[in-house]
Amino acid sequence: MKIQNFWKTLLLVVITMTMALNFTSCSEEDEPGLIVYTATGSLSASGADAFDALYGIAEYNEAIKNTLGDTYTTSNKDNEVIAACDAVYEMHQSKQNTWKGKVEIKKSKVSVSGETSAGEVIKTYNYGN
């Protein structure tokens, strides 16, 4: 009888340890979800360029959307997004060199439960410096 209780207790301990390790081995990095890329900031200009500056940030978001197929993905695409946004910045510098302001490209993570991270800036573009 004592041996049978010993094996039952041992089995219970092994099951408990296995479940505890499974719960603690998952980290937030491993959690599936979406990665969302967005361009934010402020651009301004005077004269004839003022109206065009209003669309500057939208051009960054359009480049992100064209690169990813939308503004989100399930895997890290920092390099692709930065390359697309670099092209927009270079175009702006060659055509609208009177703009002033800053544009930030942000990456946020949205978990399966719907929680959104604060996001991190992966690239900043400065105008008028």
C-alpha atoms as a PDB file:
ATOM      1  CA  MET A   1       0.000   0.000   0.000  1.00  0.00           C
ATOM      2  CA  LYS A   2       2.844   2.403   0.873  1.00  0.00           C
ATOM      3  CA  ILE A   3       4.542   1.715  -2.475  1.00  0.00           C
ATOM      4  CA  GLN A   4       1.314   2.405  -4.389  1.00  0.00           C
ATOM      5  CA  ASN A   5       0.849   5.738  -2.577  1.00  0.00           C
ATOM      6  CA  PHE A   6       4.487   6.617  -3.274  1.00  0.00           C
ATOM      7  CA  TRP A   7       4.020   6.097  -7.040  1.00  0.00           C
ATOM      8  CA  LYS A   8       0.774   8.095  -7.074  1.00  0.00           C
ATOM      9  CA  THR A   9       2.456  10.944  -5.209  1.00  0.00           C
ATOM     10  CA  LEU A  10       5.475  10.837  -7.513  1.00  0.00           C
ATOM     11  CA  LEU A  11       3.213  10.882 -10.577  1.00  0.00           C
ATOM     12  CA  LEU A  12       1.307  13.870  -9.183  1.00  0.00           C
ATOM     13  CA  VAL A  13       4.573  15.748  -8.549  1.00  0.00           C
ATOM     14  CA  VAL A  14       5.842  15.019 -12.075  1.00  0.00           C
ATOM     15  CA  ILE A  15       2.568  16.201 -13.645  1.00  0.00           C
ATOM     16  CA  THR A  16       2.562  19.350 -11.519  1.00  0.00           C
ATOM     17  CA  MET A  17       6.176  20.163 -12.433  1.00  0.00           C
ATOM     18  CA  THR A  18       5.503  19.557 -16.123  1.00  0.00           C
ATOM     19  CA  MET A  19       2.513  21.900 -16.108  1.00  0.00           C
ATOM     20  CA  ALA A  20       4.428  24.557 -14.163  1.00  0.00           C
ATOM     21  CA  LEU A  21       7.312  24.457 -16.635  1.00  0.00           C
ATOM     22  CA  ASN A  22       4.934  24.712 -19.606  1.00  0.00           C
ATOM     23  CA  PHE A  23       3.300  27.831 -18.195  1.00  0.00           C
ATOM     24  CA  THR A  24       6.569  29.566 -17.376  1.00  0.00           C
ATOM     25  CA  SER A  25       8.370  28.691 -20.614  1.00  0.00           C
ATOM     26  CA  CYS A  26       6.077  30.849 -22.754  1.00  0.00           C
ATOM     27  CA  SER A  27       7.214  34.417 -22.976  1.00  0.00           C
ATOM     28  CA  GLU A  28       5.549  37.442 -24.482  1.00  0.00           C
ATOM     29  CA  GLU A  29       7.996  37.273 -27.406  1.00  0.00           C
ATOM     30  CA  ASP A  30       6.696  33.823 -28.315  1.00  0.00           C
ATOM     31  CA  GLU A  31       3.067  34.901 -28.182  1.00  0.00           C
ATOM     32  CA  PRO A  32       1.519  35.049 -31.626  1.00  0.00           C
ATOM     33  CA  GLY A  33      -0.030  38.288 -32.748  1.00  0.00           C
ATOM     34  CA  LEU A  34       0.382  41.126 -35.198  1.00  0.00           C
ATOM     35  CA  ILE A  35       3.126  43.652 -35.736  1.00  0.00           C
ATOM     36  CA  VAL A  36       1.751  47.036 -36.812  1.00  0.00           C
ATOM     37  CA  TYR A  37       3.878  49.666 -38.552  1.00  0.00           C
ATOM     38  CA  THR A  38       2.788  53.329 -38.715  1.00  0.00           C
ATOM     39  CA  ALA A  39       4.241  56.699 -39.616  1.00  0.00           C
ATOM     40  CA  THR A  40       3.518  59.592 -37.266  1.00  0.00           C
ATOM     41  CA  GLY A  41       4.831  63.085 -36.827  1.00  0.00           C
ATOM     42  CA  SER A  42       4.399  66.596 -38.144  1.00  0.00           C
ATOM     43  CA  LEU A  43       5.458  68.218 -41.403  1.00  0.00           C
ATOM     44  CA  SER A  44       4.931  71.821 -42.417  1.00  0.00           C
ATOM     45  CA  ALA A  45       5.953  74.217 -45.129  1.00  0.00           C
ATOM     46  CA  SER A  46       5.093  77.696 -46.306  1.00  0.00           C
ATOM     47  CA  GLY A  47       3.989  78.932 -49.669  1.00  0.00           C
ATOM     48  CA  ALA A  48       3.188  76.514 -52.473  1.00  0.00           C
ATOM     49  CA  ASP A  49       4.672  73.533 -50.580  1.00  0.00           C
ATOM     50  CA  ALA A  50       2.311  73.899 -47.606  1.00  0.00           C
ATOM     51  CA  PHE A  51      -0.477  71.820 -49.139  1.00  0.00           C
ATOM     52  CA  ASP A  52       1.923  69.049 -50.235  1.00  0.00           C
ATOM     53  CA  ALA A  53       3.370  68.789 -46.714  1.00  0.00           C
ATOM     54  CA  LEU A  54      -0.057  67.679 -45.438  1.00  0.00           C
ATOM     55  CA  TYR A  55       0.301  64.479 -47.472  1.00  0.00           C
ATOM     56  CA  GLY A  56       3.904  63.743 -46.503  1.00  0.00           C
ATOM     57  CA  ILE A  57       3.119  61.378 -43.630  1.00  0.00           C
ATOM     58  CA  ALA A  58       0.390  59.694 -45.671  1.00  0.00           C
ATOM     59  CA  GLU A  59       3.038  58.866 -48.283  1.00  0.00           C
ATOM     60  CA  TYR A  60       5.051  57.021 -45.620  1.00  0.00           C
ATOM     61  CA  ASN A  61       1.984  55.027 -44.544  1.00  0.00           C
ATOM     62  CA  GLU A  62       1.227  54.236 -48.189  1.00  0.00           C
ATOM     63  CA  ALA A  63       4.790  52.953 -48.678  1.00  0.00           C
ATOM     64  CA  ILE A  64       4.398  50.723 -45.606  1.00  0.00           C
ATOM     65  CA  LYS A  65       1.092  49.409 -46.907  1.00  0.00           C
ATOM     66  CA  ASN A  66       2.563  48.712 -50.355  1.00  0.00           C
ATOM     67  CA  THR A  67       5.516  46.875 -48.824  1.00  0.00           C
ATOM     68  CA  LEU A  68       3.512  44.677 -46.440  1.00  0.00           C
ATOM     69  CA  GLY A  69       0.213  44.457 -48.299  1.00  0.00           C
ATOM     70  CA  ASP A  70      -1.247  46.345 -45.326  1.00  0.00           C
ATOM     71  CA  THR A  71       0.108  48.141 -42.249  1.00  0.00           C
ATOM     72  CA  TYR A  72       0.465  44.925 -40.258  1.00  0.00           C
ATOM     73  CA  THR A  73       2.235  41.583 -40.519  1.00  0.00           C
ATOM     74  CA  THR A  74       2.775  38.479 -38.410  1.00  0.00           C
ATOM     75  CA  SER A  75       6.563  38.613 -38.652  1.00  0.00           C
ATOM     76  CA  ASN A  76       9.247  41.217 -38.164  1.00  0.00           C
ATOM     77  CA  LYS A  77       9.691  43.304 -41.350  1.00  0.00           C
ATOM     78  CA  ASP A  78      11.741  46.217 -39.980  1.00  0.00           C
ATOM     79  CA  ASN A  79      14.326  46.173 -42.775  1.00  0.00           C
ATOM     80  CA  GLU A  80      11.722  46.130 -45.551  1.00  0.00           C
ATOM     81  CA  VAL A  81       9.673  48.918 -43.953  1.00  0.00           C
ATOM     82  CA  ILE A  82      12.763  51.079 -43.358  1.00  0.00           C
ATOM     83  CA  ALA A  83      13.905  50.596 -46.972  1.00  0.00           C
ATOM     84  CA  ALA A  84      10.495  51.691 -48.288  1.00  0.00           C
ATOM     85  CA  CYS A  85      10.404  54.708 -45.965  1.00  0.00           C
ATOM     86  CA  ASP A  86      13.979  55.662 -46.879  1.00  0.00           C
ATOM     87  CA  ALA A  87      12.837  55.860 -50.507  1.00  0.00           C
ATOM     88  CA  VAL A  88       9.983  58.199 -49.532  1.00  0.00           C
ATOM     89  CA  TYR A  89      12.367  60.393 -47.523  1.00  0.00           C
ATOM     90  CA  GLU A  90      14.817  60.622 -50.417  1.00  0.00           C
ATOM     91  CA  MET A  91      11.981  61.565 -52.777  1.00  0.00           C
ATOM     92  CA  HIS A  92      10.841  64.283 -50.356  1.00  0.00           C
ATOM     93  CA  GLN A  93      14.367  65.654 -49.996  1.00  0.00           C
ATOM     94  CA  SER A  94      14.812  65.917 -53.752  1.00  0.00           C
ATOM     95  CA  LYS A  95      11.428  67.583 -54.403  1.00  0.00           C
ATOM     96  CA  GLN A  96      10.309  69.368 -51.233  1.00  0.00           C
ATOM     97  CA  ASN A  97      13.445  70.594 -49.547  1.00  0.00           C
ATOM     98  CA  THR A  98      11.525  73.421 -47.775  1.00  0.00           C
ATOM     99  CA  TRP A  99       9.575  71.127 -45.448  1.00  0.00           C
ATOM    100  CA  LYS A 100      10.165  71.280 -41.706  1.00  0.00           C
ATOM    101  CA  GLY A 101       9.370  68.707 -39.042  1.00  0.00           C
ATOM    102  CA  LYS A 102       9.887  65.107 -38.104  1.00  0.00           C
ATOM    103  CA  VAL A 103       8.422  61.728 -39.097  1.00  0.00           C
ATOM    104  CA  GLU A 104       8.759  58.636 -36.914  1.00  0.00           C
ATOM    105  CA  ILE A 105       8.207  55.079 -38.076  1.00  0.00           C
ATOM    106  CA  LYS A 106       6.774  53.064 -35.189  1.00  0.00           C
ATOM    107  CA  LYS A 107       6.377  49.356 -34.639  1.00  0.00           C
ATOM    108  CA  SER A 108       3.747  48.096 -32.184  1.00  0.00           C
ATOM    109  CA  LYS A 109       2.729  44.583 -31.262  1.00  0.00           C
ATOM    110  CA  VAL A 110      -0.887  43.519 -30.888  1.00  0.00           C
ATOM    111  CA  SER A 111      -1.383  40.289 -28.943  1.00  0.00           C
ATOM    112  CA  VAL A 112      -4.042  37.696 -29.655  1.00  0.00           C
ATOM    113  CA  SER A 113      -5.958  39.047 -26.661  1.00  0.00           C
ATOM    114  CA  GLY A 114      -6.031  42.507 -28.296  1.00  0.00           C
ATOM    115  CA  GLU A 115      -3.499  44.258 -26.072  1.00  0.00           C
ATOM    116  CA  THR A 116      -1.293  46.738 -27.941  1.00  0.00           C
ATOM    117  CA  SER A 117       2.261  47.512 -26.873  1.00  0.00           C
ATOM    118  CA  ALA A 118       3.348  51.137 -26.528  1.00  0.00           C
ATOM    119  CA  GLY A 119       5.448  50.700 -29.629  1.00  0.00           C
ATOM    120  CA  GLU A 120       9.006  51.530 -30.473  1.00  0.00           C
ATOM    121  CA  VAL A 121      10.417  54.007 -32.956  1.00  0.00           C
ATOM    122  CA  ILE A 122      12.484  52.109 -35.513  1.00  0.00           C
ATOM    123  CA  LYS A 123      13.460  55.136 -37.643  1.00  0.00           C
ATOM    124  CA  THR A 124      13.190  58.930 -37.474  1.00  0.00           C
ATOM    125  CA  TYR A 125      13.343  61.288 -40.459  1.00  0.00           C
ATOM    126  CA  ASN A 126      14.164  64.954 -39.824  1.00  0.00           C
ATOM    127  CA  TYR A 127      13.224  67.712 -42.263  1.00  0.00           C
ATOM    128  CA  GLY A 128      14.649  71.199 -42.428  1.00  0.00           C
ATOM    129  CA  ASN A 129      17.809  70.673 -40.428  1.00  0.00           C
END
